[in-house]
Amino acid sequence: MEQLSAGKKLDQAFEKLGKEKSISFELDLDVDAKTLKLMDAESDPAPGEELPDEAAELISGAKISVTVESKKAIDESEEKDFVAMAMKVSTSGGDLLDYRVVGDYTYVRSDVEALGKAMNTPMPPADQLPPEAKGLKKVLDGEWVKFNTKEMEKAGQDMAEEMGKAPGATPSPEASLDPKTQKKLVAALREVIAREVDFKTAGGQDGTEHITATAPLRTLLTKLIGELRPLTKDLPPGMDLPSDKDLKDTPDTKISADFTLKNGELTDVYVDLAKLAENAKVKKFGLALKMSGGTKPVAPAGATEMNLEELMGGFFGAMMADEGLEEGFEEGAEEGAL
């Protein structure tokens, strides 16, 4: 009875989310920098490819906040129905990246200096950029810039043509699922979860309830993919499912997910991944998801409009100048002319 009750409560909580027209959540990797370095070392990276200390610190303290808005209920929405989206990556030191899609424009603001240090690819100082890189200067200064979303999509299609597609070729349709296929997928997933996942529930105070779902990872993934395979013909092009052979090296360790419900609504999810590390020294490694009211995606004031060609030209021009590549290229060209 507890198994059916807990599973049904989770079903109802997810159904409530699907009926919303706006959803906000915050994703947090629950791990410290030392553990990330330990796990990286065990993966035997090539010399020079080790995870930098700055990157480990950034990843361990980063949180991703997302809000999406649709004209319809989320579970009935297709790509054309979504009207706005906002995503923010932040750390204890401030915001690293702020990305929004509102109306006809995509807005971006980032802490390029912090990202460059973490990736071990520092950018040149903004005051040393060439005059033609005015737009990039705004980016490096952490100011808002905006792009026409349709023009960005067209630029992407043009780049694809330059990389081998026939000029004027009809672009491939966006990968999306029609509502009927979505319902089939959800039904298949629910059936597997009901069979393979063990549920336990514990009550709390003020209408709070905790439900723990536990299952062996490889078995669960194999069963899930097996249920989805008959639906392959209905999936968008490029959505290939892994074979059982692809999954054979996946550990069959039991993993647990803890769901917190408040008055029947899902508020938190925590997935404990520590056992997947297969290292006794890894004590805390998890993924936390917190549902929230979020921030309504709005167009930031004062954003500088740019086009993709301007950004890319300024970026590569600045990088070439910073690395001394531009001068070397010009000298090579002159020598060739002689």
Foldseek 3Di string as FASTA:
>chain_A
DQLVVLLVLVVLQVVVLQQDQKWKKKKAWQDALVVVQVLQVVVVDDVPPRQDSLLSHLNNFKMKMKMWGFPGRNLQDWPVGTAKMWIWIAGPVGTAKIWMDHDQKIKIFGQQQSVCVSVVRGFDQLVPFDPLLPVVSCRNVRHMAMEGPVLQVVVVVVVVCVVPNPPPDDDDDDWIAHSVLSVQLVVLLSVLQSVFWGWDKDDDPQQKIKIKIKGFPLVSLQSSLVSCVVVVVRGGPPPDDDDNVVSPPQGRDMKMKMWMDHNSHTAKIKIFCQVSSVDPVRDGTIMIMGIDPDDDRDDDPPHHYDYPCSNVVSRVSSVCVVVVNVVVVVVVVVVVVD
